[in-house]
Amino acid sequence: MAEELLLENNGKPSAHLTKPLLAVAFLSSFGSSMLYGYNLAVVNSPSQYIKDFYNETMVEQYDWIPGEELLTVFYSLTVSIFAIGGMTGALLVGRLVTKYGRKGTLVRATVLVFIGGALMGFSRRCRVPAMVILGRFITGVHSGISLSVVPMYLGEIAPKNLRGFLSLVPSIHICVGVFIAQVLGLSELLGKEEYWPLLLSLVVFPTIIQLMLLPWFPESPRYLLIEKGNIAATIEALKWYRPKGDFQAEVDEMQEEQRSLSSVQTVSVWGLLRDRCVRWQVITIVVVNIGMQLSGIDAIWFYTNDIFKNAGIPEPHIQYTTVGTGAIEVISGMLGCFTIERLGRRPLMIGGFLFMGLCCSGITVSVILQAELPFMRYISVGCVVGIIAGFCIGPGGVPFLITAELFKQSHRPAAYTVAGCLNWLSNFTIGFVFPFLEDATGPYCYLIFCVICLGVAVYTIFVIPETKNKTFMEISQMFAAKNNITEEELTSNAHLKMAMMNGYGTLVE
């Protein structure tokens, strides 16, 4: 059956962008990655209304008026609990994608959005502040799952020459989500006190569309072949995503990886951390994922209005300045998406982090000098815009992409679990600590972000190879020398009995 399916497609290899590939990239990102961006920024506009709601309910229920500092703690918890949920979701990724597949996990995770959206939407009517916090936590779990699974899914269905482009589509949707949250948060739209629960709960609508359409798309071909051993379903999925062309080369490459893993089950997180064959790959995802979140971008997303207020921007103009930064995010994300296959991963990472570091130091200098030089407030705004643009062009999406590229099928779920947990833990740290850090150090807090950005850029220069147009096996071989692994150790497991397979992945008796 598999041979017949392959013979039906006797043309040249199909490595161009097809409508099904583009459709699944946009659909999976629309109902997942976009919600992550939306939830990052949506609490910024109604922050004072949420604090007032917490204050009112405490007076009503406990006859107690909390201080401003305690309200700041409650609001910081509301912001950062989203990241705790994300870390919880990231811990579940390995098991979920192994049991249900990539697409299957995305479809099943949608139920979390409906629960979280309902809790936040009815919190004001029920007069229960805990519903806001719990709703943010549950939507965070969904984002923690999808933020890892979407790039994994797209990276596995894409031809190697389109892997970078498709894997950055979620990054564009993150930027779009941030922008939508900023626009809807304007006082002329949903930025009024009575509308903030609706603003928080709008996440359910993109999820409805994803739930209606995504189940009709095929599962990842690599998952079907390497983990399920179903060659017929693999070829059908390849035919669906790339209707014309010869899939033999792709199937051969998958089977080469399958044979190298034929006696190796999916690796656990502990197994990943102990495996010296992927030591430098693990260090790399640790550095880039922590660096991505500690670059200062989360502080800007969570507290944009406060940052502009401290920079001296007049109060009536802040919300429109914030929306302008959102538009720049979208443009920058699209620029990164369309240039990554031309420039490669390394230049976008290095250039993005260096530029962000420069802008972080620029914020510190401009805020210090703006008392004497009023025009420096506009330099501050320009530096904020620069950080956003630098992040969205490269560091915003490349870490998720290279997490997929640096590992073979057996190690990839555990790698995404580690990367996701570190990503979300760093996100939580910034979301909770930044208001207090800014109070304690003032504009000098941005120098911390500057040092982190420069450090990640230097690491990228000296350690991370270019992975553009490389197969997953080729990328593993590129790291073999750094890990002191011979080619024989990389492609075989001599101490285990190997299961010999024929050309179509069936066991030879």
Protein backbone atom coordinates (compact mmCIF):
# COMPACT_ATOMS: atom_id res chain seq x y z
CA MET A 1 0.00 0.00 0.00
CA ALA A 2 2.80 2.42 0.97
CA GLU A 3 4.70 1.60 -2.23
CA GLU A 4 1.59 2.40 -4.31
CA LEU A 5 1.17 5.72 -2.55
CA LEU A 6 4.75 6.67 -3.24
CA LEU A 7 4.54 5.64 -6.89
CA GLU A 8 1.51 7.88 -7.36
CA ASN A 9 3.75 10.88 -6.71
CA ASN A 10 6.62 10.48 -9.16
CA GLY A 11 7.37 14.16 -9.76
CA LYS A 12 10.10 16.28 -8.32
CA PRO A 13 10.31 16.83 -4.57
CA SER A 14 7.70 19.34 -3.48
CA ALA A 15 9.41 21.90 -1.26
CA HIS A 16 7.40 24.99 -2.11
CA LEU A 17 4.77 26.63 0.06
CA THR A 18 1.35 25.07 -0.53
CA LYS A 19 -2.09 26.27 0.52
CA PRO A 20 -2.59 23.39 3.00
CA LEU A 21 0.77 24.15 4.69
CA LEU A 22 -0.06 27.83 4.95
CA ALA A 23 -3.60 27.10 6.16
CA VAL A 24 -2.52 24.79 8.98
CA ALA A 25 0.22 27.23 10.02
CA PHE A 26 -2.23 30.11 10.31
CA LEU A 27 -5.04 28.08 11.87
CA SER A 28 -2.91 26.41 14.55
CA SER A 29 -1.32 29.78 15.40
CA PHE A 30 -4.61 31.72 15.30
CA GLY A 31 -6.24 29.71 18.08
CA SER A 32 -3.11 29.20 20.16
CA SER A 33 -0.14 31.54 19.69
CA MET A 34 -2.34 34.59 19.14
CA LEU A 35 -4.03 33.93 22.47
CA TYR A 36 -0.66 33.90 24.18
CA GLY A 37 0.14 37.35 22.82
CA TYR A 38 -3.34 38.60 23.67
CA ASN A 39 -3.09 37.38 27.26
CA LEU A 40 0.34 38.95 27.68
CA ALA A 41 -0.94 42.45 26.88
CA VAL A 42 -4.64 42.38 27.77
CA VAL A 43 -4.12 43.10 31.49
CA ASN A 44 -2.15 46.27 30.77
CA SER A 45 -5.04 48.56 29.80
CA PRO A 46 -7.58 47.65 32.54
CA SER A 47 -4.96 47.41 35.32
CA GLN A 48 -6.50 50.19 37.42
CA TYR A 49 -10.02 48.79 36.96
CA ILE A 50 -8.85 45.35 38.12
CA LYS A 51 -7.19 46.90 41.19
CA ASP A 52 -10.38 48.83 41.93
CA PHE A 53 -12.40 45.59 41.61
CA TYR A 54 -10.12 43.86 44.11
CA ASN A 55 -10.41 46.83 46.47
CA GLU A 56 -14.21 46.99 46.21
CA THR A 57 -14.75 43.28 46.83
CA MET A 58 -12.48 43.29 49.89
CA VAL A 59 -14.40 46.21 51.36
CA GLU A 60 -17.73 44.47 50.60
CA GLN A 61 -16.77 41.01 51.87
CA TYR A 62 -14.28 41.71 54.65
CA ASP A 63 -14.93 45.39 55.52
CA TRP A 64 -11.23 45.99 55.03
CA ILE A 65 -9.45 48.53 52.83
CA PRO A 66 -6.17 47.12 51.48
CA GLY A 67 -3.18 49.41 51.01
CA GLU A 68 -1.80 50.40 47.61
CA GLU A 69 1.20 48.12 48.02
CA LEU A 70 -1.01 45.09 48.69
CA LEU A 71 -3.15 45.91 45.66
CA THR A 72 0.06 46.02 43.59
CA VAL A 73 0.93 42.56 44.91
CA PHE A 74 -2.52 41.23 43.95
CA TYR A 75 -2.26 42.77 40.49
CA SER A 76 1.28 41.42 40.02
CA LEU A 77 -0.07 38.00 40.98
CA THR A 78 -2.85 38.38 38.39
CA VAL A 79 -0.26 39.20 35.75
CA SER A 80 2.30 36.57 36.69
CA ILE A 81 -0.06 33.66 37.52
CA PHE A 82 -0.47 33.34 33.75
CA ALA A 83 3.18 32.29 33.61
CA ILE A 84 2.74 29.76 36.42
CA GLY A 85 -0.06 28.21 34.38
CA GLY A 86 2.22 28.29 31.35
CA MET A 87 4.94 26.43 33.22
CA THR A 88 2.39 23.84 34.34
CA GLY A 89 1.29 23.38 30.73
CA ALA A 90 4.90 23.07 29.57
CA LEU A 91 5.42 20.22 32.05
CA LEU A 92 2.55 18.33 30.40
CA VAL A 93 3.77 18.74 26.82
CA GLY A 94 5.99 15.65 26.66
CA ARG A 95 3.28 13.22 27.75
CA LEU A 96 0.51 14.86 25.75
CA VAL A 97 2.30 14.97 22.38
CA THR A 98 3.51 11.39 22.78
CA LYS A 99 0.02 10.09 23.62
CA TYR A 100 -2.23 12.27 21.45
CA GLY A 101 0.13 13.60 18.78
CA ARG A 102 0.83 17.21 17.91
CA LYS A 103 -2.51 18.13 16.33
CA GLY A 104 -4.44 15.99 18.79
CA THR A 105 -2.90 17.84 21.73
CA LEU A 106 -3.82 21.24 20.28
CA VAL A 107 -7.43 20.19 19.73
CA ARG A 108 -7.85 18.75 23.23
CA ALA A 109 -6.23 21.75 24.91
CA THR A 110 -8.94 24.11 23.63
CA VAL A 111 -11.24 23.12 26.49
CA LEU A 112 -8.94 25.03 28.85
CA VAL A 113 -9.61 28.30 27.03
CA PHE A 114 -13.37 27.94 27.41
CA ILE A 115 -13.03 27.27 31.16
CA GLY A 116 -10.57 30.11 31.74
CA GLY A 117 -12.52 32.57 29.58
CA ALA A 118 -15.77 31.80 31.40
CA LEU A 119 -14.18 32.33 34.82
CA MET A 120 -12.74 35.72 33.86
CA GLY A 121 -15.87 36.81 32.01
CA PHE A 122 -18.22 36.20 34.96
CA SER A 123 -15.83 37.26 37.75
CA ARG A 124 -17.21 40.81 38.09
CA ARG A 125 -20.81 39.64 38.07
CA CYS A 126 -20.05 37.02 40.74
CA ARG A 127 -17.90 39.49 42.74
CA VAL A 128 -15.12 36.89 43.13
CA PRO A 129 -11.58 38.19 42.44
CA ALA A 130 -10.21 34.65 42.64
CA MET A 131 -12.05 33.85 39.40
CA VAL A 132 -9.83 36.33 37.54
CA ILE A 133 -6.66 34.79 38.95
CA LEU A 134 -7.85 31.21 38.37
CA GLY A 135 -8.97 32.07 34.84
CA ARG A 136 -5.56 33.59 34.07
CA PHE A 137 -3.90 30.44 35.43
CA ILE A 138 -6.01 28.09 33.28
CA THR A 139 -5.49 30.12 30.09
CA GLY A 140 -1.80 30.08 31.01
CA VAL A 141 -1.85 26.28 31.05
CA HIS A 142 -3.29 26.34 27.53
CA SER A 143 -0.62 28.77 26.35
CA GLY A 144 2.10 26.68 28.00
CA ILE A 145 0.97 23.66 26.00
CA SER A 146 0.36 25.40 22.69
CA LEU A 147 3.47 27.59 22.78
CA SER A 148 5.55 24.40 22.60
CA VAL A 149 3.28 22.20 20.49
CA VAL A 150 2.56 24.64 17.64
CA PRO A 151 6.21 25.18 16.59
CA MET A 152 6.86 21.46 17.09
CA TYR A 153 3.92 20.60 14.82
CA LEU A 154 4.85 23.13 12.12
CA GLY A 155 8.53 22.22 12.26
CA GLU A 156 7.68 18.58 11.62
CA ILE A 157 5.27 19.09 8.72
CA ALA A 158 7.44 21.64 6.89
CA PRO A 159 10.05 20.85 4.21
CA LYS A 160 13.50 21.80 5.50
CA ASN A 161 13.71 24.88 3.26
CA LEU A 162 10.44 26.24 4.72
CA ARG A 163 10.90 25.16 8.33
CA GLY A 164 12.09 28.60 9.45
CA PHE A 165 9.29 30.47 7.69
CA LEU A 166 6.47 28.24 8.96
CA SER A 167 7.90 28.09 12.48
CA LEU A 168 7.88 31.89 12.72
CA VAL A 169 4.21 32.17 11.72
CA PRO A 170 3.27 31.63 15.40
CA SER A 171 5.53 34.57 16.31
CA ILE A 172 3.59 36.83 13.95
CA HIS A 173 0.37 35.72 15.61
CA ILE A 174 1.82 36.46 19.05
CA CYS A 175 2.51 40.01 17.85
CA VAL A 176 -0.98 40.22 16.33
CA GLY A 177 -2.47 39.06 19.64
CA VAL A 178 -0.60 41.78 21.53
CA PHE A 179 -1.73 44.39 18.99
CA ILE A 180 -5.40 43.30 19.17
CA ALA A 181 -5.32 43.49 22.97
CA GLN A 182 -3.89 47.00 22.79
CA VAL A 183 -6.47 48.19 20.24
CA LEU A 184 -9.43 46.68 22.09
CA GLY A 185 -8.12 48.18 25.32
CA LEU A 186 -8.52 51.74 24.01
CA SER A 187 -10.97 53.84 26.02
CA GLU A 188 -13.10 54.28 22.89
CA LEU A 189 -13.60 50.50 22.61
CA LEU A 190 -13.43 48.04 25.55
CA GLY A 191 -11.11 50.09 27.75
CA LYS A 192 -13.96 51.11 30.05
CA GLU A 193 -14.55 49.88 33.57
CA GLU A 194 -17.70 47.91 32.75
CA TYR A 195 -16.06 46.06 29.85
CA TRP A 196 -12.83 44.69 31.34
CA PRO A 197 -14.27 41.19 32.07
CA LEU A 198 -15.38 40.97 28.43
CA LEU A 199 -11.93 42.12 27.31
CA LEU A 200 -10.29 39.30 29.27
CA SER A 201 -12.72 36.63 28.06
CA LEU A 202 -12.63 37.33 24.30
CA VAL A 203 -10.02 34.57 23.96
CA VAL A 204 -12.81 32.04 23.45
CA PHE A 205 -13.73 33.27 19.97
CA PRO A 206 -10.49 32.39 18.11
CA THR A 207 -10.54 29.05 19.93
CA ILE A 208 -14.01 28.25 18.58
CA ILE A 209 -12.75 28.72 15.01
CA GLN A 210 -9.69 26.55 15.65
CA LEU A 211 -11.79 23.81 17.23
CA MET A 212 -14.15 23.76 14.25
CA LEU A 213 -11.43 23.50 11.57
CA LEU A 214 -8.18 22.04 12.96
CA PRO A 215 -9.50 18.46 13.46
CA TRP A 216 -9.83 18.16 9.66
CA PHE A 217 -6.07 18.58 9.16
CA PRO A 218 -3.68 15.59 9.23
CA GLU A 219 -1.33 14.73 12.07
CA SER A 220 2.42 15.35 11.81
CA PRO A 221 3.95 12.89 9.29
CA ARG A 222 7.07 12.47 11.43
CA TYR A 223 4.94 11.53 14.43
CA LEU A 224 2.93 9.06 12.35
CA LEU A 225 6.03 7.33 10.97
CA ILE A 226 8.69 7.53 13.66
CA GLU A 227 6.49 7.13 16.74
CA LYS A 228 3.49 5.24 15.36
CA GLY A 229 5.17 3.33 12.51
CA ASN A 230 2.21 4.02 10.21
CA ILE A 231 3.76 4.50 6.76
CA ALA A 232 0.44 4.65 4.92
CA ALA A 233 -0.88 7.46 7.13
CA THR A 234 2.46 9.22 6.77
CA ILE A 235 2.30 9.24 2.98
CA GLU A 236 -1.33 10.36 3.04
CA ALA A 237 -0.39 13.26 5.32
CA LEU A 238 2.51 14.23 3.04
CA LYS A 239 0.18 14.09 0.02
CA TRP A 240 -2.30 16.33 1.81
CA TYR A 241 0.29 18.96 2.76
CA ARG A 242 2.22 18.79 -0.53
CA PRO A 243 -0.17 17.55 -3.24
CA LYS A 244 2.49 17.30 -5.94
CA GLY A 245 5.96 15.85 -5.76
CA ASP A 246 8.07 12.82 -4.83
CA PHE A 247 8.07 12.18 -1.08
CA GLN A 248 10.65 9.39 -1.21
CA ALA A 249 13.50 11.64 -0.06
CA GLU A 250 11.51 12.85 2.94
CA VAL A 251 10.37 9.35 3.81
CA ASP A 252 13.95 8.08 3.52
CA GLU A 253 15.18 10.81 5.86
CA MET A 254 12.46 9.99 8.40
CA GLN A 255 13.29 6.29 8.18
CA GLU A 256 16.98 7.02 8.71
CA GLU A 257 16.05 8.77 11.94
CA GLN A 258 13.60 5.99 12.77
CA ARG A 259 16.31 3.35 12.39
CA SER A 260 18.70 5.33 14.59
CA LEU A 261 15.98 5.42 17.25
CA SER A 262 14.50 1.97 16.72
CA SER A 263 15.61 0.75 20.15
CA VAL A 264 15.20 4.09 21.93
CA GLN A 265 11.87 5.11 23.42
CA THR A 266 10.82 8.72 23.89
CA VAL A 267 13.32 10.23 26.31
CA SER A 268 12.18 11.65 29.66
CA VAL A 269 13.28 15.05 30.94
CA TRP A 270 15.70 13.37 33.34
CA GLY A 271 17.01 11.22 30.51
CA LEU A 272 17.48 14.30 28.34
CA LEU A 273 19.47 16.10 31.03
CA ARG A 274 21.73 13.06 31.55
CA ASP A 275 22.32 12.28 27.87
CA ARG A 276 25.81 13.48 26.93
CA CYS A 277 24.92 13.13 23.23
CA VAL A 278 22.77 16.28 23.49
CA ARG A 279 24.62 18.15 26.23
CA TRP A 280 25.34 21.29 24.22
CA GLN A 281 21.90 21.27 22.63
CA VAL A 282 20.37 21.33 26.14
CA ILE A 283 22.66 24.14 27.25
CA THR A 284 21.70 26.07 24.13
CA ILE A 285 17.95 25.87 24.71
CA VAL A 286 18.49 26.85 28.36
CA VAL A 287 20.47 29.96 27.36
CA VAL A 288 18.21 31.15 24.54
CA ASN A 289 14.90 30.54 26.31
CA ILE A 290 15.95 32.22 29.55
CA GLY A 291 17.61 35.01 27.58
CA MET A 292 14.48 35.55 25.48
CA GLN A 293 12.31 36.23 28.53
CA LEU A 294 14.91 38.11 30.61
CA SER A 295 15.70 40.43 27.70
CA GLY A 296 13.21 42.97 29.06
CA ILE A 297 10.45 42.30 26.53
CA ASP A 298 8.03 40.89 29.13
CA ALA A 299 8.45 43.95 31.33
CA ILE A 300 7.48 46.10 28.36
CA TRP A 301 4.49 43.92 27.40
CA PHE A 302 3.13 43.68 30.95
CA TYR A 303 3.75 47.25 32.04
CA THR A 304 3.81 49.33 28.83
CA ASN A 305 1.57 52.08 30.17
CA ASP A 306 3.56 52.45 33.38
CA ILE A 307 6.84 52.58 31.45
CA PHE A 308 5.56 55.34 29.17
CA LYS A 309 4.12 57.21 32.14
CA ASN A 310 7.49 57.10 33.93
CA ALA A 311 9.15 58.23 30.70
CA GLY A 312 7.07 61.42 30.84
CA ILE A 313 4.52 60.74 28.10
CA PRO A 314 1.31 62.71 28.76
CA GLU A 315 -1.44 60.51 30.20
CA PRO A 316 -3.97 60.98 27.33
CA HIS A 317 -1.37 59.96 24.75
CA ILE A 318 -0.12 56.79 26.43
CA GLN A 319 -2.76 54.40 25.11
CA TYR A 320 -2.22 55.52 21.53
CA THR A 321 1.56 55.26 21.89
CA THR A 322 1.06 51.72 23.17
CA VAL A 323 -1.06 50.79 20.15
CA GLY A 324 1.64 52.20 17.89
CA THR A 325 4.20 49.87 19.45
CA GLY A 326 1.82 46.96 18.80
CA ALA A 327 1.67 47.81 15.10
CA ILE A 328 5.47 47.88 14.99
CA GLU A 329 5.52 44.43 16.61
CA VAL A 330 3.39 42.99 13.82
CA ILE A 331 5.52 44.58 11.08
CA SER A 332 8.74 43.40 12.75
CA GLY A 333 7.39 39.86 13.17
CA MET A 334 6.50 39.69 9.49
CA LEU A 335 9.95 41.00 8.56
CA GLY A 336 11.59 38.25 10.59
CA CYS A 337 9.31 35.59 9.11
CA PHE A 338 10.09 36.55 5.53
CA THR A 339 13.85 36.95 6.03
CA ILE A 340 14.74 33.95 8.19
CA GLU A 341 15.18 31.56 5.26
CA ARG A 342 17.29 34.12 3.43
CA LEU A 343 19.49 35.31 6.32
CA GLY A 344 19.43 32.26 8.59
CA ARG A 345 18.78 31.78 12.30
CA ARG A 346 22.10 33.04 13.69
CA PRO A 347 22.06 36.56 12.14
CA LEU A 348 18.52 37.21 13.38
CA MET A 349 19.39 36.02 16.89
CA ILE A 350 22.67 37.89 17.13
CA GLY A 351 21.40 41.11 15.56
CA GLY A 352 18.17 41.05 17.57
CA PHE A 353 19.82 40.58 20.97
CA LEU A 354 22.57 43.14 20.29
CA PHE A 355 20.02 45.73 19.19
CA MET A 356 17.82 45.03 22.23
CA GLY A 357 20.81 45.40 24.55
CA LEU A 358 21.65 48.75 22.99
CA CYS A 359 18.06 49.95 23.38
CA CYS A 360 17.89 48.82 27.04
CA SER A 361 20.95 50.92 27.85
CA GLY A 362 19.35 53.76 25.86
CA ILE A 363 16.27 53.70 28.10
CA THR A 364 18.44 54.04 31.21
CA VAL A 365 20.38 57.00 29.81
CA SER A 366 17.33 58.82 28.41
CA VAL A 367 15.26 58.48 31.59
CA ILE A 368 18.16 59.80 33.69
CA LEU A 369 18.64 62.81 31.41
CA GLN A 370 15.03 63.68 30.64
CA ALA A 371 14.71 66.00 33.66
CA GLU A 372 17.37 68.26 32.12
CA LEU A 373 16.62 67.47 28.49
CA PRO A 374 12.84 67.05 27.98
CA PHE A 375 13.25 65.73 24.44
CA MET A 376 14.90 62.60 25.91
CA ARG A 377 11.44 61.25 26.71
CA TYR A 378 11.00 60.62 23.00
CA ILE A 379 14.33 58.79 22.96
CA SER A 380 12.88 56.54 25.69
CA VAL A 381 9.87 55.77 23.54
CA GLY A 382 12.16 55.10 20.57
CA CYS A 383 14.21 52.67 22.65
CA VAL A 384 11.06 50.84 23.78
CA VAL A 385 10.03 50.55 20.15
CA GLY A 386 13.55 49.32 19.31
CA ILE A 387 13.40 46.58 21.94
CA ILE A 388 10.05 45.41 20.59
CA ALA A 389 11.24 45.48 16.96
CA GLY A 390 14.51 43.73 17.75
CA PHE A 391 12.71 41.03 19.70
CA CYS A 392 10.02 40.33 17.10
CA ILE A 393 12.47 40.14 14.20
CA GLY A 394 14.61 37.41 15.74
CA PRO A 395 14.65 36.40 19.42
CA GLY A 396 10.85 36.26 19.60
CA GLY A 397 10.48 33.15 17.44
CA VAL A 398 13.86 31.58 16.75
CA PRO A 399 14.25 29.90 20.20
CA PHE A 400 11.07 27.88 19.62
CA LEU A 401 12.29 26.95 16.16
CA ILE A 402 15.77 25.81 17.15
CA THR A 403 14.34 23.81 20.06
CA ALA A 404 12.69 21.66 17.37
CA GLU A 405 15.72 21.67 15.09
CA LEU A 406 18.41 20.72 17.62
CA PHE A 407 16.80 17.44 18.71
CA LYS A 408 15.72 14.20 17.09
CA GLN A 409 12.21 12.80 17.50
CA SER A 410 12.97 10.82 20.67
CA HIS A 411 14.34 13.87 22.52
CA ARG A 412 12.10 16.62 21.13
CA PRO A 413 9.13 16.37 23.58
CA ALA A 414 11.44 16.46 26.62
CA ALA A 415 13.40 19.34 25.08
CA TYR A 416 10.22 21.37 24.66
CA THR A 417 9.26 20.58 28.25
CA VAL A 418 12.60 21.92 29.54
CA ALA A 419 12.54 24.96 27.23
CA GLY A 420 8.92 25.73 28.06
CA CYS A 421 9.41 25.49 31.83
CA LEU A 422 12.44 27.78 31.76
CA ASN A 423 10.65 30.17 29.43
CA TRP A 424 7.61 30.43 31.66
CA LEU A 425 9.59 30.53 34.91
CA SER A 426 11.52 33.51 33.55
CA ASN A 427 8.25 35.05 32.37
CA PHE A 428 6.79 34.72 35.88
CA THR A 429 9.91 36.20 37.46
CA ILE A 430 9.75 39.31 35.30
CA GLY A 431 5.98 39.71 35.63
CA PHE A 432 6.07 39.54 39.43
CA VAL A 433 9.40 41.18 40.24
CA PHE A 434 9.65 44.01 37.70
CA PRO A 435 7.38 46.56 39.51
CA PHE A 436 9.43 46.16 42.69
CA LEU A 437 12.73 46.09 40.77
CA GLU A 438 11.81 49.33 39.02
CA ASP A 439 10.84 50.96 42.35
CA ALA A 440 14.16 49.91 43.89
CA THR A 441 16.57 50.69 41.03
CA GLY A 442 14.68 53.11 38.81
CA PRO A 443 15.91 53.27 35.21
CA TYR A 444 19.03 51.28 36.10
CA CYS A 445 16.98 48.07 36.02
CA TYR A 446 17.24 48.12 32.22
CA LEU A 447 21.01 47.70 32.47
CA ILE A 448 20.34 44.18 33.82
CA PHE A 449 18.39 43.40 30.66
CA CYS A 450 21.20 44.92 28.58
CA VAL A 451 23.82 42.58 30.09
CA ILE A 452 21.58 39.53 29.51
CA CYS A 453 20.97 40.46 25.85
CA LEU A 454 24.68 40.93 25.18
CA GLY A 455 25.49 37.63 26.90
CA VAL A 456 23.05 35.64 24.76
CA ALA A 457 24.38 37.32 21.60
CA VAL A 458 27.96 36.31 22.50
CA TYR A 459 26.85 32.73 23.22
CA THR A 460 25.09 32.56 19.86
CA ILE A 461 28.22 33.80 18.05
CA PHE A 462 30.52 31.18 19.56
CA VAL A 463 28.29 28.13 20.13
CA ILE A 464 25.14 27.92 17.98
CA PRO A 465 25.67 26.73 14.37
CA GLU A 466 23.51 27.75 11.44
CA THR A 467 20.69 25.22 10.96
CA LYS A 468 19.09 26.65 7.82
CA ASN A 469 18.27 23.99 5.18
CA LYS A 470 19.65 21.18 7.37
CA THR A 471 17.82 17.95 8.21
CA PHE A 472 17.38 16.98 11.86
CA MET A 473 20.02 14.25 11.45
CA GLU A 474 22.50 16.70 9.90
CA ILE A 475 22.00 19.14 12.77
CA SER A 476 22.63 16.38 15.32
CA GLN A 477 25.88 15.56 13.52
CA MET A 478 26.93 19.24 13.67
CA PHE A 479 26.81 19.09 17.46
CA ALA A 480 28.55 15.71 17.70
CA ALA A 481 32.04 17.25 17.89
CA LYS A 482 31.04 19.63 20.69
CA ASN A 483 29.56 16.72 22.62
CA ASN A 484 32.60 14.48 21.94
CA ILE A 485 30.36 11.94 20.23
CA THR A 486 31.53 9.77 17.33
CA GLU A 487 29.32 9.32 14.27
CA GLU A 488 28.84 5.64 15.16
CA GLU A 489 27.51 6.57 18.61
CA LEU A 490 25.25 9.18 17.08
CA THR A 491 23.57 6.95 14.52
CA SER A 492 23.44 3.67 16.41
CA ASN A 493 23.04 2.17 19.84
CA ALA A 494 25.44 -0.76 19.73
CA HIS A 495 24.79 -1.84 23.30
CA LEU A 496 21.12 -2.43 22.48
CA LYS A 497 19.62 -4.94 20.09
CA MET A 498 18.54 -2.99 16.99
CA ALA A 499 15.30 -3.82 15.23
CA MET A 500 16.12 -4.16 11.54
CA MET A 501 13.63 -2.54 9.18
CA ASN A 502 12.99 -2.65 5.48
CA GLY A 503 12.49 0.36 3.20
CA TYR A 504 8.98 1.06 4.50
CA GLY A 505 9.50 0.80 8.23
CA THR A 506 8.15 -2.71 8.79
CA LEU A 507 10.01 -5.15 10.96
CA VAL A 508 12.04 -7.85 9.22
CA GLU A 509 11.49 -11.21 10.90
